[in-house]
C-alpha cells in the first residue's frame, strides 16, 4: 500500500483497527524519511508533505468515527 497515495475514500472504508495500523505505518514512514534526509542518504523532501497529508486524513477520519460513536452512545443513555 502506497501511503502517500491513500485517498479519503479509501481511508473511510477502514475499520478502527486498520485506521490505527495505518496511522502507525504513516508515522513510521515519516520518521524514516526524516532520518534519510538528516543523514543525507536521500533528499526526498516532497515525501514528507504527502505523508503528513495522509496522516491528517487518517486522524480526521478516526476522529469523525469516534465522534459519531460517542454521539450515538450518549443518545442511547438519555
N, C-alpha and C. Protein backbone atom coordinates (compact mmCIF):
# COMPACT_ATOMS: atom_id res chain seq x y z
N UNK A 1 0.85 -1.17 0.00
CA UNK A 1 0.00 0.00 0.00
C UNK A 1 0.89 1.23 0.00
N UNK A 2 0.64 2.11 -0.95
CA UNK A 2 1.41 3.34 -1.04
C UNK A 2 0.78 4.38 -0.12
N UNK A 3 1.46 4.69 0.95
CA UNK A 3 0.90 5.56 1.98
C UNK A 3 0.68 6.98 1.50
N UNK A 4 1.46 7.43 0.54
CA UNK A 4 1.32 8.79 0.06
C UNK A 4 0.09 8.96 -0.82
N UNK A 5 -0.38 7.89 -1.41
CA UNK A 5 -1.47 7.99 -2.38
C UNK A 5 -2.81 7.52 -1.83
N UNK A 6 -2.94 7.38 -0.53
CA UNK A 6 -4.22 6.98 0.04
C UNK A 6 -5.21 8.13 -0.07
N UNK A 7 -6.36 7.85 -0.64
CA UNK A 7 -7.39 8.90 -0.76
C UNK A 7 -8.31 8.83 0.45
N UNK A 8 -9.08 9.87 0.63
CA UNK A 8 -10.00 9.94 1.76
C UNK A 8 -11.06 8.85 1.63
N UNK A 9 -11.46 8.52 0.41
CA UNK A 9 -12.47 7.46 0.21
C UNK A 9 -11.93 6.10 0.62
N UNK A 10 -10.65 5.85 0.36
CA UNK A 10 -10.04 4.60 0.79
C UNK A 10 -10.00 4.53 2.31
N UNK A 11 -9.62 5.62 2.92
CA UNK A 11 -9.47 5.66 4.37
C UNK A 11 -10.82 5.53 5.07
N UNK A 12 -11.87 6.09 4.50
CA UNK A 12 -13.20 5.99 5.11
C UNK A 12 -13.69 4.55 5.17
N UNK A 13 -13.17 3.70 4.31
CA UNK A 13 -13.56 2.30 4.30
C UNK A 13 -12.85 1.46 5.36
N UNK A 14 -11.88 2.02 6.05
CA UNK A 14 -11.13 1.28 7.05
C UNK A 14 -11.91 1.20 8.35
N UNK A 15 -11.73 0.09 9.07
CA UNK A 15 -12.30 0.00 10.41
C UNK A 15 -11.32 0.61 11.41
N UNK A 16 -11.69 0.64 12.68
CA UNK A 16 -10.88 1.31 13.70
C UNK A 16 -9.48 0.71 13.81
N UNK A 17 -9.39 -0.61 13.74
CA UNK A 17 -8.09 -1.27 13.86
C UNK A 17 -7.20 -0.92 12.68
N UNK A 18 -7.77 -0.96 11.49
CA UNK A 18 -7.00 -0.63 10.28
C UNK A 18 -6.55 0.84 10.31
N UNK A 19 -7.40 1.72 10.85
CA UNK A 19 -7.01 3.13 10.96
C UNK A 19 -5.80 3.29 11.87
N UNK A 20 -5.81 2.60 13.01
CA UNK A 20 -4.67 2.69 13.93
C UNK A 20 -3.40 2.13 13.30
N UNK A 21 -3.54 1.01 12.58
CA UNK A 21 -2.38 0.42 11.91
C UNK A 21 -1.82 1.36 10.85
N UNK A 22 -2.72 2.00 10.10
CA UNK A 22 -2.30 2.93 9.06
C UNK A 22 -1.62 4.15 9.67
N UNK A 23 -2.17 4.64 10.78
CA UNK A 23 -1.56 5.78 11.46
C UNK A 23 -0.14 5.45 11.90
N UNK A 24 0.03 4.27 12.49
CA UNK A 24 1.38 3.87 12.94
C UNK A 24 2.33 3.74 11.75
N UNK A 25 1.84 3.18 10.64
CA UNK A 25 2.68 2.99 9.46
C UNK A 25 3.09 4.34 8.87
N UNK A 26 2.16 5.29 8.84
CA UNK A 26 2.48 6.61 8.29
C UNK A 26 3.49 7.33 9.19
N UNK A 27 3.28 7.24 10.49
CA UNK A 27 4.23 7.88 11.42
C UNK A 27 5.63 7.27 11.28
N UNK A 28 5.69 5.96 11.10
CA UNK A 28 6.99 5.30 10.93
C UNK A 28 7.64 5.72 9.61
N UNK A 29 6.83 5.80 8.56
CA UNK A 29 7.35 6.23 7.26
C UNK A 29 7.87 7.67 7.34
N UNK A 30 7.15 8.54 8.04
CA UNK A 30 7.61 9.92 8.23
C UNK A 30 8.96 9.94 8.95
N UNK A 31 9.07 9.15 9.99
CA UNK A 31 10.33 9.08 10.74
C UNK A 31 11.46 8.61 9.84
N UNK A 32 11.20 7.57 9.05
CA UNK A 32 12.23 7.04 8.16
C UNK A 32 12.68 8.08 7.12
N UNK A 33 11.71 8.78 6.54
CA UNK A 33 12.06 9.80 5.53
C UNK A 33 12.85 10.93 6.17
N UNK A 34 12.43 11.35 7.36
CA UNK A 34 13.17 12.43 8.05
C UNK A 34 14.59 12.00 8.38
N UNK A 35 14.75 10.76 8.82
CA UNK A 35 16.10 10.27 9.14
C UNK A 35 16.94 10.18 7.88
N UNK A 36 16.33 9.77 6.76
CA UNK A 36 17.08 9.73 5.49
C UNK A 36 17.56 11.12 5.10
N UNK A 37 16.71 12.11 5.31
CA UNK A 37 17.08 13.48 4.96
C UNK A 37 18.21 13.98 5.87
N UNK A 38 18.10 13.71 7.17
CA UNK A 38 19.12 14.18 8.11
C UNK A 38 20.46 13.48 7.93
N UNK A 39 20.42 12.23 7.52
CA UNK A 39 21.66 11.51 7.31
C UNK A 39 22.18 11.68 5.88
N UNK A 40 21.46 12.46 5.09
CA UNK A 40 21.85 12.82 3.72
C UNK A 40 21.92 11.62 2.78
N UNK A 41 21.15 10.57 3.08
CA UNK A 41 21.10 9.45 2.15
C UNK A 41 20.31 9.83 0.91
N UNK A 42 19.13 10.34 1.13
CA UNK A 42 18.26 10.77 0.04
C UNK A 42 17.66 12.12 0.39
N UNK A 43 17.35 12.88 -0.60
CA UNK A 43 16.73 14.18 -0.37
C UNK A 43 15.30 14.16 -0.93
N UNK A 44 14.47 13.27 -0.40
CA UNK A 44 13.08 13.18 -0.84
C UNK A 44 12.20 14.01 0.09
N UNK A 45 12.40 15.30 0.07
CA UNK A 45 11.66 16.17 0.97
C UNK A 45 10.20 16.26 0.59
N UNK A 46 9.86 16.01 -0.64
CA UNK A 46 8.47 16.05 -1.08
C UNK A 46 7.63 14.95 -0.47
N UNK A 47 8.26 13.85 -0.10
CA UNK A 47 7.53 12.75 0.51
C UNK A 47 6.94 13.15 1.85
N UNK A 48 7.63 14.02 2.56
CA UNK A 48 7.15 14.42 3.88
C UNK A 48 5.79 15.08 3.77
N UNK A 49 5.62 15.95 2.81
CA UNK A 49 4.35 16.65 2.66
C UNK A 49 3.22 15.67 2.38
N UNK A 50 3.45 14.72 1.48
CA UNK A 50 2.43 13.72 1.16
C UNK A 50 2.08 12.86 2.35
N UNK A 51 3.09 12.45 3.11
CA UNK A 51 2.84 11.61 4.28
C UNK A 51 2.11 12.39 5.37
N UNK A 52 2.44 13.67 5.54
CA UNK A 52 1.73 14.48 6.54
C UNK A 52 0.27 14.65 6.16
N UNK A 53 -0.01 14.82 4.88
CA UNK A 53 -1.39 14.94 4.43
C UNK A 53 -2.15 13.64 4.67
N UNK A 54 -1.51 12.52 4.39
CA UNK A 54 -2.14 11.23 4.63
C UNK A 54 -2.42 11.04 6.11
N UNK A 55 -1.46 11.41 6.95
CA UNK A 55 -1.65 11.29 8.39
C UNK A 55 -2.82 12.16 8.84
N UNK A 56 -2.94 13.35 8.29
CA UNK A 56 -4.06 14.23 8.65
C UNK A 56 -5.39 13.62 8.22
N UNK A 57 -5.41 12.99 7.05
CA UNK A 57 -6.64 12.33 6.60
C UNK A 57 -7.03 11.19 7.53
N UNK A 58 -6.05 10.38 7.91
CA UNK A 58 -6.32 9.25 8.79
C UNK A 58 -6.84 9.73 10.14
N UNK A 59 -6.20 10.74 10.70
CA UNK A 59 -6.62 11.25 12.01
C UNK A 59 -7.99 11.92 11.93
N UNK A 60 -8.30 12.56 10.82
CA UNK A 60 -9.61 13.18 10.64
C UNK A 60 -10.72 12.13 10.60
N UNK A 61 -10.50 11.08 9.83
CA UNK A 61 -11.50 10.01 9.74
C UNK A 61 -11.63 9.30 11.08
N UNK A 62 -10.52 9.06 11.76
CA UNK A 62 -10.57 8.40 13.07
C UNK A 62 -11.33 9.26 14.08
N UNK A 63 -11.10 10.55 14.06
CA UNK A 63 -11.80 11.46 14.97
C UNK A 63 -13.28 11.53 14.66
N UNK A 64 -13.63 11.57 13.39
CA UNK A 64 -15.03 11.63 13.00
C UNK A 64 -15.75 10.34 13.38
N UNK A 65 -15.09 9.22 13.21
CA UNK A 65 -15.68 7.93 13.58
C UNK A 65 -15.89 7.87 15.08
N UNK A 66 -14.92 8.34 15.83
CA UNK A 66 -15.02 8.34 17.28
C UNK A 66 -16.14 9.26 17.75
N UNK A 67 -16.27 10.43 17.10
CA UNK A 67 -17.32 11.39 17.47
C UNK A 67 -18.70 10.82 17.19
N UNK A 68 -18.86 10.12 16.09
CA UNK A 68 -20.15 9.53 15.76
C UNK A 68 -20.52 8.46 16.77
N UNK A 69 -19.55 7.63 17.15
CA UNK A 69 -19.82 6.58 18.13
C UNK A 69 -20.17 7.19 19.49
N UNK A 70 -19.46 8.24 19.87
CA UNK A 70 -19.73 8.90 21.15
C UNK A 70 -21.11 9.54 21.14
N UNK A 71 -21.44 10.19 20.05
CA UNK A 71 -22.74 10.84 19.92
C UNK A 71 -23.87 9.81 19.99
N UNK A 72 -23.67 8.67 19.32
CA UNK A 72 -24.69 7.63 19.31
C UNK A 72 -24.86 7.02 20.69
N UNK A 73 -23.77 6.86 21.44
CA UNK A 73 -23.87 6.25 22.76
C UNK A 73 -24.51 7.20 23.77
N UNK A 74 -24.32 8.51 23.61
CA UNK A 74 -24.95 9.46 24.53
C UNK A 74 -26.45 9.57 24.26
N UNK A 75 -26.87 9.38 23.02
CA UNK A 75 -28.29 9.41 22.71
C UNK A 75 -29.00 8.21 23.31
N UNK A 76 -28.34 7.06 23.37
CA UNK A 76 -28.93 5.85 23.94
C UNK A 76 -29.13 5.97 25.44
N UNK A 77 -28.24 6.68 26.12
CA UNK A 77 -28.32 6.77 27.57
C UNK A 77 -29.34 7.76 28.05
N UNK A 78 -29.76 8.67 27.19
CA UNK A 78 -30.73 9.70 27.62
C UNK A 78 -32.12 9.18 27.69
